[in-house]
Amino acid sequence: MSAAGRLELVVVRHGLTSWNRERRYQGQRDIPLLLPDALAGLDRLRETLAPLAFDAIQCSDLTRCRQTLAHVIEGHERHGPPCYDPRLRELDFGDYEGYSYDELKDLAAYRAWIDSEGEQAPPRGESTADLRRRLDAWFDDLLAGCAPGSHRRILTVTHGGVIRALRQRFETIGFWEGHVDQAAGRCFLFTHDGQERWQCSSSSAVPAPASAAS
């Protein structure tokens, strides 16, 4: 039997933006980081990732993710050139982009979208099913580069909705339950025994909670 394979997928959310602070839906608007306010979270994430060597780096092509990646890998050359992939963009919130919950909460269509956990697309936006489809295509391409007997570690810098969708798939939790803060994320561990498909065997917080790290 072939040697067991291992894939460590570290998926992190971009740092703080002005729209995050104002609790506005950003979606696919190209909003930059809020500097210098974002630096504390980015520095903590960089410290967490510094000891790790990555075989590949994947990143959303939006500015806030590019800026986050540039900061957290600064000074570390143990990786290849990043791949900027639009499939890793945030969920397209359509007409809700630029608005906050308080500004939308009285709209019947918005309430229906919330109650459906995003399965009902917002006006001129994208459903969570649409998001899952493009992430499935991205993940299939990722696995295509991972031989069953290989050990690989991949860093992915993306958005909150993408991480929610990945947690929904691999942790079997609800979409709204999968929140992570800015400059934080999850580490998904996949194993392959040489015969079956890749399976997610664990998921943990990145950075680790203070209580777990002490």
Protein backbone atom coordinates (compact mmCIF):
# COMPACT_ATOMS: atom_id res chain seq x y z
CA MET A 1 0.00 0.00 0.00
CA SER A 2 1.21 3.52 -0.79
CA ALA A 3 2.48 5.74 2.03
CA ALA A 4 -0.16 7.86 3.70
CA GLY A 5 -0.43 11.41 2.41
CA ARG A 6 -0.89 14.55 4.44
CA LEU A 7 -2.12 18.01 3.46
CA GLU A 8 -2.10 20.88 5.92
CA LEU A 9 -4.28 23.70 4.57
CA VAL A 10 -3.89 26.93 6.54
CA VAL A 11 -6.71 29.30 5.53
CA VAL A 12 -6.69 32.83 6.97
CA ARG A 13 -8.90 35.87 6.61
CA HIS A 14 -7.52 39.26 5.54
CA GLY A 15 -6.82 41.97 8.10
CA LEU A 16 -9.08 44.77 9.31
CA THR A 17 -10.63 47.23 6.84
CA SER A 18 -12.67 50.39 7.40
CA TRP A 19 -15.80 48.54 6.26
CA ASN A 20 -15.10 45.76 8.77
CA ARG A 21 -14.98 48.38 11.49
CA GLU A 22 -18.25 49.92 10.26
CA ARG A 23 -19.75 46.40 9.94
CA ARG A 24 -20.56 46.90 6.25
CA TYR A 25 -20.86 44.08 3.74
CA GLN A 26 -17.76 44.26 1.53
CA GLY A 27 -18.29 41.33 -0.78
CA GLN A 28 -16.21 41.76 -3.92
CA ARG A 29 -15.66 45.50 -3.51
CA ASP A 30 -11.89 46.09 -3.59
CA ILE A 31 -11.54 47.66 -0.13
CA PRO A 32 -7.95 48.05 1.19
CA LEU A 33 -6.76 47.36 4.73
CA LEU A 34 -7.31 49.98 7.42
CA LEU A 35 -3.74 50.99 8.33
CA PRO A 36 -2.22 51.29 10.83
CA ASP A 37 -5.19 49.85 12.75
CA ALA A 38 -4.86 46.45 11.05
CA LEU A 39 -1.22 45.99 12.02
CA ALA A 40 -1.72 44.45 15.48
CA GLY A 41 -3.71 41.53 14.05
CA LEU A 42 -1.38 41.13 11.07
CA ASP A 43 1.69 41.09 13.31
CA ARG A 44 0.18 38.38 15.50
CA LEU A 45 -0.66 36.31 12.44
CA ARG A 46 2.82 36.78 10.99
CA GLU A 47 4.36 35.60 14.28
CA THR A 48 2.13 32.51 14.20
CA LEU A 49 3.05 31.64 10.60
CA ALA A 50 6.76 32.51 10.81
CA PRO A 51 7.98 29.02 11.88
CA LEU A 52 6.08 27.31 9.04
CA ALA A 53 7.41 26.56 5.58
CA PHE A 54 4.73 26.52 2.86
CA ASP A 55 4.93 24.47 -0.32
CA ALA A 56 2.46 26.78 -2.03
CA ILE A 57 0.54 29.99 -1.38
CA GLN A 58 -2.95 30.76 -2.68
CA CYS A 59 -4.57 34.18 -2.32
CA SER A 60 -7.69 36.05 -3.34
CA ASP A 61 -6.85 38.66 -5.96
CA LEU A 62 -8.55 41.48 -4.01
CA THR A 63 -6.34 44.18 -2.50
CA ARG A 64 -7.06 43.49 1.18
CA CYS A 65 -5.90 39.89 0.80
CA ARG A 66 -2.83 40.84 -1.24
CA GLN A 67 -1.84 43.35 1.45
CA THR A 68 -2.40 40.79 4.20
CA LEU A 69 -0.28 38.20 2.42
CA ALA A 70 2.54 40.66 1.76
CA HIS A 71 2.67 41.52 5.47
CA VAL A 72 2.53 38.01 6.92
CA ILE A 73 5.21 36.53 4.62
CA GLU A 74 7.53 39.56 4.72
CA GLY A 75 11.07 38.35 5.33
CA HIS A 76 10.23 34.69 4.76
CA GLU A 77 11.34 33.18 1.47
CA ARG A 78 10.58 29.50 2.13
CA HIS A 79 7.81 29.29 -0.42
CA GLY A 80 7.10 29.66 -4.12
CA PRO A 81 5.42 32.63 -5.80
CA PRO A 82 1.80 33.20 -4.69
CA CYS A 83 -1.11 32.26 -6.94
CA TYR A 84 -3.79 34.98 -6.99
CA ASP A 85 -7.10 33.29 -7.70
CA PRO A 86 -10.45 35.13 -8.15
CA ARG A 87 -12.26 31.95 -7.06
CA LEU A 88 -11.10 32.81 -3.53
CA ARG A 89 -12.99 36.13 -3.52
CA GLU A 90 -15.64 36.89 -0.93
CA LEU A 91 -19.28 36.03 -1.54
CA ASP A 92 -20.83 38.61 -3.87
CA PHE A 93 -23.44 40.37 -1.71
CA GLY A 94 -24.94 42.21 -4.67
CA ASP A 95 -27.16 45.14 -3.67
CA TYR A 96 -26.26 44.66 0.01
CA GLU A 97 -22.62 45.64 -0.47
CA GLY A 98 -21.74 48.85 1.33
CA TYR A 99 -24.63 48.52 3.80
CA SER A 100 -24.72 47.34 7.41
CA TYR A 101 -27.14 45.01 9.17
CA ASP A 102 -28.85 47.94 10.88
CA GLU A 103 -29.48 49.59 7.52
CA LEU A 104 -30.96 46.41 5.99
CA LYS A 105 -32.68 44.61 8.86
CA ASP A 106 -36.19 45.89 8.07
CA LEU A 107 -36.13 44.68 4.45
CA ALA A 108 -38.16 41.51 3.90
CA ALA A 109 -35.80 40.27 1.18
CA TYR A 110 -32.80 40.75 3.46
CA ARG A 111 -34.48 38.86 6.30
CA ALA A 112 -35.29 36.02 3.90
CA TRP A 113 -31.64 35.92 2.81
CA ILE A 114 -30.46 35.73 6.43
CA ASP A 115 -33.01 33.04 7.30
CA SER A 116 -31.94 30.94 4.30
CA GLU A 117 -28.26 31.05 5.46
CA GLY A 118 -27.45 32.67 2.13
CA GLU A 119 -28.94 29.87 0.00
CA GLN A 120 -31.30 32.48 -1.43
CA ALA A 121 -29.07 34.88 -3.35
CA PRO A 122 -29.25 38.60 -2.49
CA PRO A 123 -30.51 40.87 -5.28
CA ARG A 124 -27.91 40.85 -8.08
CA GLY A 125 -25.61 38.81 -5.84
CA GLU A 126 -24.38 35.28 -5.31
CA SER A 127 -25.91 32.46 -3.27
CA THR A 128 -23.84 30.33 -0.92
CA ALA A 129 -24.44 27.45 -3.36
CA ASP A 130 -22.71 29.55 -6.04
CA LEU A 131 -19.85 30.18 -3.62
CA ARG A 132 -19.52 26.47 -2.85
CA ARG A 133 -19.39 25.61 -6.55
CA ARG A 134 -16.44 27.90 -7.26
CA LEU A 135 -14.68 26.76 -4.07
CA ASP A 136 -15.23 23.12 -5.02
CA ALA A 137 -13.51 23.79 -8.36
CA TRP A 138 -10.64 25.57 -6.58
CA PHE A 139 -10.24 22.76 -4.04
CA ASP A 140 -10.30 20.05 -6.72
CA ASP A 141 -7.48 21.87 -8.53
CA LEU A 142 -5.57 22.16 -5.25
CA LEU A 143 -5.85 18.42 -4.58
CA ALA A 144 -4.78 17.63 -8.13
CA GLY A 145 -1.32 18.92 -7.18
CA CYS A 146 -1.12 16.73 -4.07
CA ALA A 147 0.02 13.14 -4.68
CA PRO A 148 -1.49 10.55 -2.29
CA GLY A 149 1.90 9.89 -0.66
CA SER A 150 2.98 13.53 -0.39
CA HIS A 151 3.18 15.79 2.66
CA ARG A 152 2.30 19.37 1.82
CA ARG A 153 1.48 22.59 3.65
CA ILE A 154 -0.44 25.30 1.78
CA LEU A 155 -1.28 28.84 2.91
CA THR A 156 -4.48 30.45 1.63
CA VAL A 157 -5.39 34.11 2.27
CA THR A 158 -9.03 34.80 1.62
CA HIS A 159 -12.29 36.18 3.08
CA GLY A 160 -14.73 35.47 5.89
CA GLY A 161 -17.44 33.99 3.67
CA VAL A 162 -14.98 31.61 2.02
CA ILE A 163 -13.84 30.34 5.42
CA ARG A 164 -17.47 29.96 6.52
CA ALA A 165 -18.11 27.80 3.43
CA LEU A 166 -15.01 25.67 4.06
CA ARG A 167 -15.97 25.17 7.70
CA GLN A 168 -19.49 24.28 6.64
CA ARG A 169 -18.08 21.58 4.36
CA PHE A 170 -15.31 20.17 6.53
CA GLU A 171 -16.66 20.78 10.04
CA THR A 172 -20.34 20.17 9.14
CA ILE A 173 -21.55 23.34 10.87
CA GLY A 174 -23.98 26.00 9.67
CA PHE A 175 -22.76 28.76 7.36
CA TRP A 176 -23.41 31.53 9.88
CA GLU A 177 -21.65 29.48 12.60
CA GLY A 178 -18.32 29.51 10.77
CA HIS A 179 -17.22 33.06 11.67
CA VAL A 180 -13.53 33.89 12.10
CA ASP A 181 -12.07 37.28 13.01
CA GLN A 182 -9.90 39.37 10.72
CA ALA A 183 -6.26 38.13 10.51
CA ALA A 184 -7.35 34.72 11.83
CA GLY A 185 -8.49 31.45 10.33
CA ARG A 186 -8.39 27.68 10.44
CA CYS A 187 -5.91 24.90 9.83
CA PHE A 188 -7.54 21.94 8.07
CA LEU A 189 -5.61 18.66 8.15
CA PHE A 190 -6.33 16.16 5.36
CA THR A 191 -5.03 12.61 5.14
CA HIS A 192 -4.89 10.10 2.30
CA ASP A 193 -4.13 6.41 2.82
CA GLY A 194 -3.23 5.77 -0.82
CA GLN A 195 -6.54 4.15 -1.72
CA GLU A 196 -9.38 6.44 -0.68
CA ARG A 197 -10.04 10.13 -1.25
CA TRP A 198 -8.52 12.89 0.82
CA GLN A 199 -10.42 13.22 4.09
CA CYS A 200 -10.43 16.14 6.56
CA SER A 201 -9.30 14.66 9.88
CA SER A 202 -9.15 17.83 12.00
CA SER A 203 -9.67 21.59 12.06
CA SER A 204 -8.12 24.03 14.51
CA ALA A 205 -7.97 27.78 15.09
CA VAL A 206 -5.17 29.97 13.69
CA PRO A 207 -3.72 31.58 15.72
CA ALA A 208 -4.45 29.14 18.54
CA PRO A 209 -6.55 30.64 21.35
CA ALA A 210 -4.45 32.08 24.19
CA SER A 211 -5.66 29.37 26.60
CA ALA A 212 -4.61 26.61 24.18
CA ALA A 213 -1.26 28.21 23.40
CA SER A 214 -0.25 28.68 27.05
